[in-house]
Amino acid sequence: MLHLSKHLSATWVWLLALLVSVSVAQNPSPQASPSTDRDHGIELYQQGDANGAVEALRHAVQGDEKDGTAWHYLGLAYLLKGSRDEARKSFARAVAVREAALQPTPMAASTTLDPAGARQKKSERFQAAAESLEKYLELTKNPDPTLLEELDALRWYRDYYGGTRNDEEIITTKEATTRLRILDKPPPNFSGTRAAGRGSLRAVFSADGTVKHILVIRKVDPEFDRACILAAKRIQFEPAVKDGRPVSMILEVEYGRYIY
């Protein structure tokens, strides 16, 4: 009887272990989400753990390639680790993702009810893109001059939407007494590139008749984008008028090239 009891006890232990293993297999531990990996990676970076931060943040961007914050901190973590080339690549991705978020989107009802809040969010997005571009330029030898102009434009829009830029009056189309009128819009010279697509720029059509603070918000190719910027600078227009005086406006400009 004693031998049989021991045998039954051993059997029950084995069955219990089997049930536990089956339960674990059917209900595995949930994997961390990309945002959890990002937050953990940022925490590790702030603690000075470069290797741990890189590992967590790499998982984050693999799970969500459009997380600009994760890409930016991955660049910072690589810098902490001493991997400057990998850091530069990560900052380049952060710039691309964060600038893509600057493209205009339909305004939600909550946004229209809180214009100040909407402007602040825009300012924060421009600031984020500027931060990533600053880090990228720090790691780039002899950067393209257009990137320096891009950084200046990002900072200008950041300050404008943040309410710290009051050097000129900028109005919306609805506020204009007389709308801005385009007199001549020369096409870009795409002879330096075979790239095709549709580029979009944001620019200030100033009261003094110049196009400035040009920022490419939908990029195609460096040479393509440069050609669009040069073309935008050549636009001739009559400024908008409000209450009898010329005023400035922020407008979107598009250029396209399609090869069939």
Protein backbone atom coordinates (compact mmCIF):
# COMPACT_ATOMS: atom_id res chain seq x y z
CA MET A 1 0.00 0.00 0.00
CA LEU A 2 2.80 2.38 0.87
CA HIS A 3 4.45 1.69 -2.48
CA LEU A 4 1.16 2.29 -4.31
CA SER A 5 0.58 5.57 -2.43
CA LYS A 6 4.00 6.83 -3.39
CA HIS A 7 3.35 5.86 -7.00
CA LEU A 8 0.02 7.71 -7.06
CA SER A 9 1.59 10.81 -5.50
CA ALA A 10 4.30 10.84 -8.14
CA THR A 11 1.63 10.49 -10.82
CA TRP A 12 -0.32 13.44 -9.45
CA VAL A 13 2.81 15.59 -9.37
CA TRP A 14 3.55 14.68 -12.98
CA LEU A 15 -0.02 15.46 -14.08
CA LEU A 16 0.06 18.81 -12.25
CA ALA A 17 3.33 19.76 -13.93
CA LEU A 18 1.87 18.79 -17.31
CA LEU A 19 -1.23 20.93 -16.76
CA VAL A 20 0.91 23.92 -15.76
CA SER A 21 3.10 23.57 -18.87
CA VAL A 22 0.02 23.30 -21.12
CA SER A 23 -1.51 26.40 -19.49
CA VAL A 24 1.68 28.42 -20.02
CA ALA A 25 1.88 27.31 -23.65
CA GLN A 26 -1.72 28.33 -24.28
CA ASN A 27 -1.39 31.63 -22.40
CA PRO A 28 2.11 32.95 -23.08
CA SER A 29 3.32 36.09 -21.35
CA PRO A 30 2.31 39.16 -23.36
CA GLN A 31 5.14 40.69 -25.38
CA ALA A 32 6.09 44.28 -24.73
CA SER A 33 4.48 46.80 -27.08
CA PRO A 34 6.65 49.16 -29.16
CA SER A 35 5.67 52.06 -26.91
CA THR A 36 6.64 50.06 -23.81
CA ASP A 37 10.00 49.23 -25.40
CA ARG A 38 10.46 52.91 -26.25
CA ASP A 39 9.70 54.11 -22.73
CA HIS A 40 11.94 51.41 -21.25
CA GLY A 41 14.73 52.34 -23.68
CA ILE A 42 14.46 56.03 -22.77
CA GLU A 43 14.63 55.13 -19.07
CA LEU A 44 17.73 52.99 -19.64
CA TYR A 45 19.35 55.79 -21.66
CA GLN A 46 18.69 58.27 -18.86
CA GLN A 47 20.27 55.81 -16.43
CA GLY A 48 23.39 55.63 -18.62
CA ASP A 49 22.84 52.04 -19.81
CA ALA A 50 23.78 52.48 -23.48
CA ASN A 51 23.66 48.80 -24.48
CA GLY A 52 20.33 48.16 -22.79
CA ALA A 53 18.84 51.34 -24.26
CA VAL A 54 19.97 50.44 -27.78
CA GLU A 55 18.46 46.95 -27.49
CA ALA A 56 15.10 48.22 -26.20
CA LEU A 57 14.87 51.08 -28.67
CA ARG A 58 15.77 48.86 -31.61
CA HIS A 59 12.85 46.64 -30.65
CA ALA A 60 10.67 49.75 -30.45
CA VAL A 61 11.46 50.96 -33.98
CA GLN A 62 11.15 47.44 -35.37
CA GLY A 63 7.64 47.35 -33.95
CA ASP A 64 6.76 50.88 -35.04
CA GLU A 65 8.92 52.46 -37.75
CA LYS A 66 6.97 55.74 -37.46
CA ASP A 67 7.88 56.43 -33.85
CA GLY A 68 10.07 59.52 -34.20
CA THR A 69 10.76 59.70 -30.47
CA ALA A 70 12.11 56.13 -30.45
CA TRP A 71 14.37 56.86 -33.45
CA HIS A 72 15.67 60.04 -31.79
CA TYR A 73 16.50 58.33 -28.51
CA LEU A 74 18.04 55.42 -30.40
CA GLY A 75 20.41 57.97 -31.91
CA LEU A 76 21.17 59.36 -28.44
CA ALA A 77 21.77 55.83 -27.11
CA TYR A 78 24.16 55.04 -29.97
CA LEU A 79 26.01 58.28 -29.18
CA LEU A 80 26.28 57.24 -25.56
CA LYS A 81 27.67 53.92 -26.76
CA GLY A 82 30.17 55.67 -29.05
CA SER A 83 28.62 54.44 -32.33
CA ARG A 84 28.52 57.75 -34.20
CA ASP A 85 27.68 56.31 -37.61
CA GLU A 86 24.69 54.36 -36.27
CA ALA A 87 23.63 57.44 -34.32
CA ARG A 88 23.72 59.54 -37.49
CA LYS A 89 21.54 57.02 -39.33
CA SER A 90 19.05 56.95 -36.47
CA PHE A 91 18.80 60.73 -36.35
CA ALA A 92 18.24 60.79 -40.12
CA ARG A 93 15.28 58.42 -39.66
CA ALA A 94 14.00 60.54 -36.78
CA VAL A 95 14.09 63.65 -39.00
CA ALA A 96 12.20 61.86 -41.80
CA VAL A 97 9.51 60.56 -39.45
CA ARG A 98 9.10 63.79 -37.52
CA GLU A 99 8.96 65.95 -40.65
CA ALA A 100 6.35 63.62 -42.15
CA ALA A 101 4.20 64.49 -39.13
CA LEU A 102 4.30 68.15 -40.21
CA GLN A 103 2.14 67.50 -43.26
CA PRO A 104 -1.26 69.16 -42.95
CA THR A 105 -4.10 66.96 -41.73
CA PRO A 106 -7.86 67.61 -41.52
CA MET A 107 -8.64 69.51 -38.34
CA ALA A 108 -10.78 67.72 -35.79
CA ALA A 109 -13.62 69.47 -34.02
CA SER A 110 -11.65 69.54 -30.76
CA THR A 111 -8.79 71.26 -32.54
CA THR A 112 -11.00 74.02 -33.91
CA LEU A 113 -12.39 74.59 -30.41
CA ASP A 114 -8.87 75.00 -28.99
CA PRO A 115 -6.80 77.01 -31.49
CA ALA A 116 -4.17 77.89 -28.87
CA GLY A 117 -3.68 74.23 -28.03
CA ALA A 118 -3.47 73.31 -31.71
CA ARG A 119 -0.78 75.95 -32.30
CA GLN A 120 1.21 74.68 -29.32
CA LYS A 121 1.08 71.11 -30.65
CA LYS A 122 2.33 72.35 -34.02
CA SER A 123 5.16 74.20 -32.30
CA GLU A 124 6.13 71.01 -30.43
CA ARG A 125 6.20 68.98 -33.66
CA PHE A 126 8.47 71.54 -35.34
CA GLN A 127 10.69 71.58 -32.24
CA ALA A 128 10.98 67.77 -32.30
CA ALA A 129 12.00 67.77 -35.97
CA ALA A 130 14.51 70.56 -35.31
CA GLU A 131 16.08 68.64 -32.41
CA SER A 132 16.65 65.55 -34.56
CA LEU A 133 18.05 67.58 -37.45
CA GLU A 134 20.40 69.42 -35.08
CA LYS A 135 21.83 66.11 -33.86
CA TYR A 136 22.13 64.81 -37.42
CA LEU A 137 24.05 67.92 -38.50
CA GLU A 138 26.37 67.66 -35.51
CA LEU A 139 27.47 64.26 -36.85
CA THR A 140 27.69 65.28 -40.52
CA LYS A 141 30.87 66.64 -42.08
CA ASN A 142 30.32 69.48 -44.56
CA PRO A 143 26.51 69.28 -44.48
CA ASP A 144 24.47 70.37 -47.47
CA PRO A 145 23.63 74.10 -47.13
CA THR A 146 19.98 73.31 -47.80
CA LEU A 147 19.91 71.31 -44.55
CA LEU A 148 21.05 74.38 -42.65
CA GLU A 149 18.26 76.38 -44.31
CA GLU A 150 15.87 73.59 -43.38
CA LEU A 151 16.88 73.84 -39.75
CA ASP A 152 16.36 77.61 -39.80
CA ALA A 153 12.88 77.10 -41.28
CA LEU A 154 11.96 74.50 -38.66
CA ARG A 155 13.02 76.87 -35.91
CA TRP A 156 11.08 79.74 -37.45
CA TYR A 157 7.83 77.76 -37.64
CA ARG A 158 8.43 76.45 -34.11
CA ASP A 159 8.70 80.02 -32.82
CA TYR A 160 5.81 81.27 -34.93
CA TYR A 161 3.34 78.62 -33.75
CA GLY A 162 4.73 78.94 -30.24
CA GLY A 163 3.79 82.62 -30.21
CA THR A 164 7.29 84.04 -29.84
CA ARG A 165 7.58 85.34 -33.39
CA ASN A 166 5.92 88.71 -33.99
CA ASP A 167 8.20 90.35 -36.55
CA GLU A 168 5.50 90.35 -39.26
CA GLU A 169 1.74 90.04 -39.48
CA ILE A 170 0.63 86.72 -40.92
CA ILE A 171 -3.01 86.13 -41.70
CA THR A 172 -5.25 83.38 -43.09
CA THR A 173 -7.10 83.54 -46.39
CA LYS A 174 -10.37 84.30 -44.56
CA GLU A 175 -8.83 87.35 -42.91
CA ALA A 176 -7.61 88.92 -46.16
CA THR A 177 -9.45 91.88 -47.66
CA THR A 178 -7.79 91.07 -50.99
CA ARG A 179 -6.40 87.59 -51.53
CA LEU A 180 -2.84 86.87 -52.58
CA ARG A 181 -2.48 86.53 -56.36
CA ILE A 182 0.17 84.40 -58.07
CA LEU A 183 1.62 86.19 -61.10
CA ASP A 184 4.21 83.63 -62.21
CA LYS A 185 5.08 80.16 -60.92
CA PRO A 186 8.15 78.89 -62.81
CA PRO A 187 8.52 75.10 -62.96
CA PRO A 188 11.45 73.42 -61.19
CA ASN A 189 14.54 72.46 -63.17
CA PHE A 190 14.72 68.71 -62.64
CA SER A 191 17.67 68.18 -64.98
CA GLY A 192 19.90 67.17 -62.09
CA THR A 193 17.78 64.19 -61.03
CA ARG A 194 15.81 61.29 -62.49
CA ALA A 195 13.54 61.15 -59.45
CA ALA A 196 9.81 61.47 -59.93
CA GLY A 197 6.93 62.13 -57.58
CA ARG A 198 5.04 64.93 -55.90
CA GLY A 199 6.78 67.29 -53.50
CA SER A 200 5.06 69.64 -51.08
CA LEU A 201 6.52 72.78 -49.52
CA ARG A 202 5.40 75.18 -46.83
CA ALA A 203 6.49 78.79 -47.23
CA VAL A 204 5.78 82.32 -46.10
CA PHE A 205 4.56 84.56 -48.92
CA SER A 206 5.75 87.75 -47.34
CA ALA A 207 4.26 91.23 -47.49
CA ASP A 208 7.49 92.41 -49.15
CA GLY A 209 6.89 90.14 -52.16
CA THR A 210 9.45 87.43 -51.31
CA VAL A 211 8.95 83.72 -50.64
CA LYS A 212 10.86 82.68 -47.51
CA HIS A 213 11.05 80.14 -44.69
CA ILE A 214 10.64 77.41 -47.28
CA LEU A 215 10.33 73.93 -45.80
CA VAL A 216 9.86 70.72 -47.78
CA ILE A 217 7.26 68.75 -45.88
CA ARG A 218 6.80 65.98 -48.47
CA LYS A 219 10.23 64.97 -49.73
CA VAL A 220 11.04 62.99 -52.87
CA ASP A 221 14.81 63.11 -53.40
CA PRO A 222 17.51 65.62 -52.33
CA GLU A 223 18.05 67.00 -55.83
CA PHE A 224 14.32 66.96 -56.56
CA ASP A 225 13.59 68.81 -53.32
CA ARG A 226 16.36 71.35 -53.98
CA ALA A 227 14.92 72.08 -57.43
CA CYS A 228 11.49 72.68 -55.85
CA ILE A 229 12.95 75.09 -53.29
CA LEU A 230 14.73 77.10 -55.98
CA ALA A 231 11.53 77.22 -58.05
CA ALA A 232 9.50 78.41 -55.05
CA LYS A 233 11.94 81.27 -54.48
CA ARG A 234 11.24 82.46 -58.04
CA ILE A 235 7.47 82.68 -57.60
CA GLN A 236 6.16 86.15 -58.33
CA PHE A 237 3.00 87.30 -56.58
CA GLU A 238 0.99 90.20 -55.30
CA PRO A 239 0.79 89.95 -51.49
CA ALA A 240 -2.51 89.60 -49.71
CA VAL A 241 -4.02 92.82 -48.40
CA LYS A 242 -5.78 93.47 -45.10
CA ASP A 243 -7.27 96.83 -44.25
CA GLY A 244 -5.37 98.50 -47.07
CA ARG A 245 -1.88 97.18 -46.24
CA PRO A 246 0.06 94.17 -47.60
CA VAL A 247 0.38 91.24 -45.19
CA SER A 248 2.07 87.84 -45.16
CA MET A 249 0.54 84.37 -45.51
CA ILE A 250 1.73 80.79 -44.99
CA LEU A 251 0.87 78.64 -47.99
CA GLU A 252 1.50 75.12 -49.25
CA VAL A 253 3.12 74.77 -52.68
CA GLU A 254 3.23 71.54 -54.68
CA TYR A 255 5.43 70.44 -57.56
CA GLY A 256 5.19 67.18 -59.43
CA ARG A 257 7.13 65.19 -61.94
CA TYR A 258 5.91 61.90 -63.39
CA ILE A 259 7.85 59.64 -65.73
CA TYR A 260 5.86 57.06 -67.68
